[in-house]
Amino acid sequence: MPRIVGVNIPVRKHILIGLQAIYGIGSTRARLICKRAQIDPETKVKDLAEDQLNIIRKEVSKCGEIEGDLRRMVAMNIKRLTDIACYRGLRHRRNLPVRGQRTRTNSRTRRKQHRK
């Protein structure tokens, strides 16, 4: 399995879908990476040569915040919200929906209330 930024890319999928296994890369960014690397997005990962993988690795590294750095940044943002005790921080702390959703009938997965 090819590794890009410390993530194993699924071999049997198209490179467009395989790149989306990396945290922080969605469909738009994956298309952009394929376009910059001049690789057909429909190419399977197992059919890529090593030099093509190196080009993709370089393009992914140029993308900005991805994988570990992005996870750390998101965690730090949530920690900052909880530390200053703003409304969103309190919702994170209590494991309730943060973005204004109702809780009377929905949000069971967020509240973790299951039938006994």
N, C-alpha and C. Protein backbone atom coordinates (compact mmCIF):
# COMPACT_ATOMS: atom_id res chain seq x y z
N MET A 1 0.84 -1.19 0.00
CA MET A 1 0.00 0.00 0.00
C MET A 1 0.87 1.24 0.00
N PRO A 2 0.60 2.16 -0.89
CA PRO A 2 1.37 3.41 -0.89
C PRO A 2 1.01 4.27 0.32
N ARG A 3 2.02 4.91 0.86
CA ARG A 3 1.81 5.80 2.00
C ARG A 3 2.05 7.24 1.56
N ILE A 4 1.08 8.09 1.85
CA ILE A 4 1.22 9.51 1.58
C ILE A 4 0.89 10.24 2.88
N VAL A 5 1.82 11.02 3.37
CA VAL A 5 1.68 11.79 4.61
C VAL A 5 1.34 10.86 5.78
N GLY A 6 1.91 9.65 5.78
CA GLY A 6 1.70 8.72 6.88
C GLY A 6 0.37 7.99 6.85
N VAL A 7 -0.36 8.06 5.74
CA VAL A 7 -1.65 7.39 5.62
C VAL A 7 -1.58 6.37 4.49
N ASN A 8 -2.05 5.16 4.76
CA ASN A 8 -2.12 4.14 3.72
C ASN A 8 -3.26 4.47 2.77
N ILE A 9 -2.96 4.55 1.49
CA ILE A 9 -3.96 4.85 0.47
C ILE A 9 -4.52 3.51 -0.04
N PRO A 10 -5.86 3.35 -0.10
CA PRO A 10 -6.44 2.10 -0.61
C PRO A 10 -5.99 1.83 -2.04
N VAL A 11 -5.52 0.62 -2.29
CA VAL A 11 -4.90 0.28 -3.57
C VAL A 11 -5.93 0.08 -4.68
N ARG A 12 -7.08 -0.47 -4.37
CA ARG A 12 -8.04 -0.84 -5.40
C ARG A 12 -8.98 0.28 -5.81
N LYS A 13 -8.79 1.46 -5.28
CA LYS A 13 -9.68 2.57 -5.60
C LYS A 13 -9.00 3.53 -6.57
N HIS A 14 -9.79 4.41 -7.17
CA HIS A 14 -9.24 5.45 -8.03
C HIS A 14 -8.45 6.42 -7.15
N ILE A 15 -7.47 7.06 -7.76
CA ILE A 15 -6.62 7.99 -7.00
C ILE A 15 -7.43 9.14 -6.44
N LEU A 16 -8.49 9.54 -7.15
CA LEU A 16 -9.35 10.62 -6.66
C LEU A 16 -10.00 10.25 -5.33
N ILE A 17 -10.45 9.02 -5.19
CA ILE A 17 -11.08 8.54 -3.96
C ILE A 17 -10.01 8.19 -2.92
N GLY A 18 -8.91 7.65 -3.36
CA GLY A 18 -7.84 7.26 -2.43
C GLY A 18 -7.25 8.44 -1.69
N LEU A 19 -7.11 9.57 -2.38
CA LEU A 19 -6.57 10.76 -1.73
C LEU A 19 -7.48 11.27 -0.63
N GLN A 20 -8.78 10.98 -0.74
CA GLN A 20 -9.73 11.46 0.26
C GLN A 20 -9.62 10.68 1.57
N ALA A 21 -8.79 9.64 1.61
CA ALA A 21 -8.53 8.93 2.86
C ALA A 21 -7.66 9.77 3.79
N ILE A 22 -7.03 10.80 3.25
CA ILE A 22 -6.19 11.69 4.05
C ILE A 22 -7.08 12.75 4.68
N TYR A 23 -6.95 12.94 6.00
CA TYR A 23 -7.74 13.92 6.72
C TYR A 23 -7.40 15.31 6.21
N GLY A 24 -8.40 16.04 5.75
CA GLY A 24 -8.20 17.39 5.26
C GLY A 24 -8.22 17.48 3.75
N ILE A 25 -8.33 16.34 3.06
CA ILE A 25 -8.43 16.35 1.60
C ILE A 25 -9.80 15.81 1.22
N GLY A 26 -10.59 16.64 0.58
CA GLY A 26 -11.90 16.24 0.10
C GLY A 26 -11.87 16.07 -1.41
N SER A 27 -13.04 16.04 -2.01
CA SER A 27 -13.10 15.78 -3.45
C SER A 27 -12.52 16.93 -4.27
N THR A 28 -12.77 18.17 -3.85
CA THR A 28 -12.26 19.31 -4.61
C THR A 28 -10.74 19.37 -4.57
N ARG A 29 -10.18 19.22 -3.39
CA ARG A 29 -8.73 19.28 -3.26
C ARG A 29 -8.06 18.08 -3.94
N ALA A 30 -8.71 16.91 -3.90
CA ALA A 30 -8.17 15.73 -4.57
C ALA A 30 -8.13 15.95 -6.09
N ARG A 31 -9.19 16.56 -6.64
CA ARG A 31 -9.19 16.87 -8.08
C ARG A 31 -8.08 17.86 -8.42
N LEU A 32 -7.87 18.85 -7.57
CA LEU A 32 -6.83 19.84 -7.81
C LEU A 32 -5.45 19.18 -7.79
N ILE A 33 -5.22 18.27 -6.86
CA ILE A 33 -3.94 17.57 -6.77
C ILE A 33 -3.70 16.74 -8.03
N CYS A 34 -4.73 16.03 -8.48
CA CYS A 34 -4.60 15.22 -9.70
C CYS A 34 -4.32 16.10 -10.91
N LYS A 35 -4.97 17.24 -10.97
CA LYS A 35 -4.78 18.15 -12.10
C LYS A 35 -3.37 18.71 -12.11
N ARG A 36 -2.87 19.13 -10.95
CA ARG A 36 -1.51 19.67 -10.86
C ARG A 36 -0.46 18.61 -11.16
N ALA A 37 -0.73 17.37 -10.73
CA ALA A 37 0.22 16.28 -10.97
C ALA A 37 0.08 15.70 -12.38
N GLN A 38 -0.91 16.17 -13.13
CA GLN A 38 -1.19 15.70 -14.49
C GLN A 38 -1.41 14.19 -14.52
N ILE A 39 -2.26 13.74 -13.60
CA ILE A 39 -2.62 12.32 -13.51
C ILE A 39 -4.13 12.22 -13.66
N ASP A 40 -4.57 11.25 -14.44
CA ASP A 40 -6.00 11.03 -14.64
C ASP A 40 -6.63 10.61 -13.32
N PRO A 41 -7.69 11.29 -12.86
CA PRO A 41 -8.32 10.94 -11.57
C PRO A 41 -8.92 9.53 -11.54
N GLU A 42 -9.19 8.96 -12.72
CA GLU A 42 -9.79 7.63 -12.78
C GLU A 42 -8.75 6.51 -12.71
N THR A 43 -7.47 6.85 -12.62
CA THR A 43 -6.41 5.85 -12.53
C THR A 43 -6.45 5.17 -11.17
N LYS A 44 -6.35 3.85 -11.18
CA LYS A 44 -6.30 3.11 -9.91
C LYS A 44 -4.96 3.35 -9.23
N VAL A 45 -4.96 3.30 -7.92
CA VAL A 45 -3.74 3.56 -7.16
C VAL A 45 -2.69 2.50 -7.45
N LYS A 46 -3.11 1.25 -7.64
CA LYS A 46 -2.14 0.17 -7.90
C LYS A 46 -1.45 0.33 -9.25
N ASP A 47 -2.04 1.10 -10.17
CA ASP A 47 -1.45 1.28 -11.50
C ASP A 47 -0.48 2.46 -11.56
N LEU A 48 -0.34 3.21 -10.49
CA LEU A 48 0.56 4.37 -10.48
C LEU A 48 2.00 3.93 -10.32
N ALA A 49 2.88 4.60 -11.06
CA ALA A 49 4.31 4.34 -10.92
C ALA A 49 4.85 5.10 -9.71
N GLU A 50 6.05 4.72 -9.31
CA GLU A 50 6.65 5.34 -8.11
C GLU A 50 6.92 6.83 -8.32
N ASP A 51 7.32 7.21 -9.54
CA ASP A 51 7.57 8.63 -9.79
C ASP A 51 6.27 9.44 -9.75
N GLN A 52 5.16 8.84 -10.19
CA GLN A 52 3.87 9.52 -10.09
C GLN A 52 3.46 9.69 -8.64
N LEU A 53 3.71 8.67 -7.81
CA LEU A 53 3.41 8.78 -6.38
C LEU A 53 4.24 9.88 -5.73
N ASN A 54 5.49 10.02 -6.14
CA ASN A 54 6.34 11.08 -5.59
C ASN A 54 5.81 12.46 -5.97
N ILE A 55 5.31 12.59 -7.20
CA ILE A 55 4.73 13.87 -7.62
C ILE A 55 3.49 14.17 -6.77
N ILE A 56 2.67 13.15 -6.55
CA ILE A 56 1.46 13.35 -5.73
C ILE A 56 1.85 13.72 -4.30
N ARG A 57 2.88 13.08 -3.75
CA ARG A 57 3.34 13.42 -2.40
C ARG A 57 3.76 14.89 -2.31
N LYS A 58 4.46 15.37 -3.33
CA LYS A 58 4.88 16.78 -3.34
C LYS A 58 3.68 17.71 -3.40
N GLU A 59 2.70 17.37 -4.23
CA GLU A 59 1.50 18.21 -4.35
C GLU A 59 0.69 18.21 -3.06
N VAL A 60 0.61 17.06 -2.41
CA VAL A 60 -0.13 16.98 -1.14
C VAL A 60 0.57 17.81 -0.07
N SER A 61 1.89 17.79 -0.07
CA SER A 61 2.61 18.57 0.94
C SER A 61 2.44 20.08 0.72
N LYS A 62 2.15 20.49 -0.51
CA LYS A 62 1.93 21.91 -0.80
C LYS A 62 0.53 22.38 -0.40
N CYS A 63 -0.38 21.44 -0.13
CA CYS A 63 -1.79 21.77 0.11
C CYS A 63 -2.03 22.62 1.34
N GLY A 64 -1.16 22.59 2.28
CA GLY A 64 -1.39 23.34 3.52
C GLY A 64 -1.61 22.39 4.69
N GLU A 65 -2.48 22.76 5.58
CA GLU A 65 -2.73 21.97 6.79
C GLU A 65 -3.49 20.69 6.44
N ILE A 66 -2.89 19.55 6.69
CA ILE A 66 -3.56 18.26 6.51
C ILE A 66 -3.10 17.31 7.61
N GLU A 67 -3.84 16.24 7.76
CA GLU A 67 -3.59 15.12 8.67
C GLU A 67 -3.27 15.59 10.09
N GLY A 68 -2.10 15.30 10.62
CA GLY A 68 -1.79 15.54 12.02
C GLY A 68 -1.87 17.00 12.42
N ASP A 69 -1.34 17.88 11.57
CA ASP A 69 -1.37 19.32 11.87
C ASP A 69 -2.79 19.84 11.95
N LEU A 70 -3.64 19.40 11.01
CA LEU A 70 -5.03 19.85 10.99
C LEU A 70 -5.80 19.31 12.20
N ARG A 71 -5.57 18.04 12.54
CA ARG A 71 -6.22 17.46 13.72
C ARG A 71 -5.83 18.22 14.98
N ARG A 72 -4.55 18.53 15.10
CA ARG A 72 -4.05 19.27 16.26
C ARG A 72 -4.65 20.67 16.31
N MET A 73 -4.76 21.32 15.16
CA MET A 73 -5.32 22.66 15.11
C MET A 73 -6.80 22.66 15.52
N VAL A 74 -7.57 21.68 15.05
CA VAL A 74 -8.98 21.59 15.41
C VAL A 74 -9.13 21.33 16.90
N ALA A 75 -8.29 20.42 17.44
CA ALA A 75 -8.35 20.13 18.87
C ALA A 75 -8.00 21.35 19.71
N MET A 76 -7.01 22.11 19.26
CA MET A 76 -6.63 23.32 20.00
C MET A 76 -7.74 24.38 19.94
N ASN A 77 -8.43 24.48 18.81
CA ASN A 77 -9.54 25.43 18.71
C ASN A 77 -10.67 25.06 19.67
N ILE A 78 -10.98 23.77 19.75
CA ILE A 78 -12.03 23.33 20.67
C ILE A 78 -11.59 23.55 22.11
N LYS A 79 -10.32 23.27 22.41
CA LYS A 79 -9.81 23.48 23.77
C LYS A 79 -9.87 24.96 24.14
N ARG A 80 -9.54 25.83 23.20
CA ARG A 80 -9.62 27.27 23.45
C ARG A 80 -11.04 27.70 23.76
N LEU A 81 -12.02 27.16 23.02
CA LEU A 81 -13.41 27.50 23.28
C LEU A 81 -13.86 27.04 24.66
N THR A 82 -13.42 25.84 25.06
CA THR A 82 -13.82 25.36 26.38
C THR A 82 -13.12 26.13 27.50
N ASP A 83 -11.88 26.55 27.25
CA ASP A 83 -11.15 27.31 28.27
C ASP A 83 -11.75 28.68 28.52
N ILE A 84 -12.21 29.36 27.49
CA ILE A 84 -12.79 30.68 27.70
C ILE A 84 -14.26 30.60 28.10
N ALA A 85 -14.79 29.40 28.13
CA ALA A 85 -16.16 29.13 28.60
C ALA A 85 -17.21 29.90 27.82
N CYS A 86 -17.03 29.98 26.51
CA CYS A 86 -18.07 30.58 25.68
C CYS A 86 -19.17 29.54 25.46
N TYR A 87 -20.24 29.94 24.83
CA TYR A 87 -21.39 29.05 24.64
C TYR A 87 -20.99 27.79 23.88
N ARG A 88 -20.27 27.97 22.78
CA ARG A 88 -19.85 26.80 22.00
C ARG A 88 -18.93 25.89 22.81
N GLY A 89 -18.07 26.49 23.63
CA GLY A 89 -17.19 25.69 24.48
C GLY A 89 -17.96 24.89 25.50
N LEU A 90 -18.99 25.49 26.09
CA LEU A 90 -19.81 24.77 27.06
C LEU A 90 -20.56 23.62 26.39
N ARG A 91 -21.04 23.83 25.17
CA ARG A 91 -21.72 22.76 24.44
C ARG A 91 -20.77 21.61 24.14
N HIS A 92 -19.53 21.94 23.79
CA HIS A 92 -18.53 20.88 23.57
C HIS A 92 -18.27 20.12 24.86
N ARG A 93 -18.14 20.85 25.96
CA ARG A 93 -17.84 20.24 27.24
C ARG A 93 -18.94 19.28 27.69
N ARG A 94 -20.20 19.65 27.41
CA ARG A 94 -21.34 18.83 27.83
C ARG A 94 -21.75 17.80 26.79
N ASN A 95 -21.00 17.70 25.70
CA ASN A 95 -21.31 16.77 24.61
C ASN A 95 -22.71 16.96 24.07
N LEU A 96 -23.07 18.20 23.82
CA LEU A 96 -24.35 18.54 23.22
C LEU A 96 -24.11 19.16 21.85
N PRO A 97 -25.14 19.23 21.00
CA PRO A 97 -24.94 19.84 19.68
C PRO A 97 -24.47 21.29 19.80
N VAL A 98 -23.52 21.65 18.97
CA VAL A 98 -22.86 22.95 19.09
C VAL A 98 -23.52 23.99 18.20
N ARG A 99 -24.10 23.59 17.09
CA ARG A 99 -24.50 24.56 16.07
C ARG A 99 -25.99 24.86 16.07
N GLY A 100 -26.63 24.84 17.21
CA GLY A 100 -27.98 25.31 17.32
C GLY A 100 -29.07 24.30 17.01
N GLN A 101 -28.72 23.02 16.89
CA GLN A 101 -29.75 22.03 16.62
C GLN A 101 -30.59 21.81 17.86
N ARG A 102 -31.81 21.32 17.65
CA ARG A 102 -32.68 21.05 18.78
C ARG A 102 -32.24 19.76 19.47
N THR A 103 -32.54 19.69 20.76
CA THR A 103 -32.14 18.50 21.52
C THR A 103 -33.32 17.77 22.12
N ARG A 104 -34.51 18.31 21.98
CA ARG A 104 -35.66 17.67 22.61
C ARG A 104 -35.95 16.31 22.00
N THR A 105 -35.91 16.22 20.68
CA THR A 105 -36.24 14.95 20.05
C THR A 105 -35.07 14.34 19.29
N ASN A 106 -34.12 15.12 18.87
CA ASN A 106 -33.01 14.59 18.07
C ASN A 106 -31.71 14.60 18.87
N SER A 107 -30.61 14.42 18.19
CA SER A 107 -29.24 14.46 18.74
C SER A 107 -28.99 13.34 19.73
N ARG A 108 -29.57 12.17 19.48
CA ARG A 108 -29.33 11.04 20.39
C ARG A 108 -27.88 10.58 20.34
N THR A 109 -27.28 10.59 19.16
CA THR A 109 -25.90 10.12 19.08
C THR A 109 -24.97 11.09 19.79
N ARG A 110 -25.24 12.35 19.72
CA ARG A 110 -24.39 13.33 20.39
C ARG A 110 -24.55 13.25 21.90
N ARG A 111 -25.78 13.02 22.36
CA ARG A 111 -26.04 12.98 23.80
C ARG A 111 -25.70 11.64 24.41
N LYS A 112 -25.55 10.63 23.58
CA LYS A 112 -25.19 9.28 24.02
C LYS A 112 -26.25 8.68 24.96
N GLN A 113 -27.50 8.94 24.70
CA GLN A 113 -28.57 8.32 25.48
C GLN A 113 -29.18 7.20 24.67
N HIS A 114 -28.94 5.99 25.12
CA HIS A 114 -29.43 4.83 24.43
C HIS A 114 -30.48 4.12 25.30
N ARG A 115 -31.32 3.35 24.65
CA ARG A 115 -32.32 2.60 25.42
C ARG A 115 -31.65 1.53 26.25
N LYS A 116 -32.25 1.26 27.38
CA LYS A 116 -31.69 0.22 28.27
C LYS A 116 -32.50 -1.04 28.18
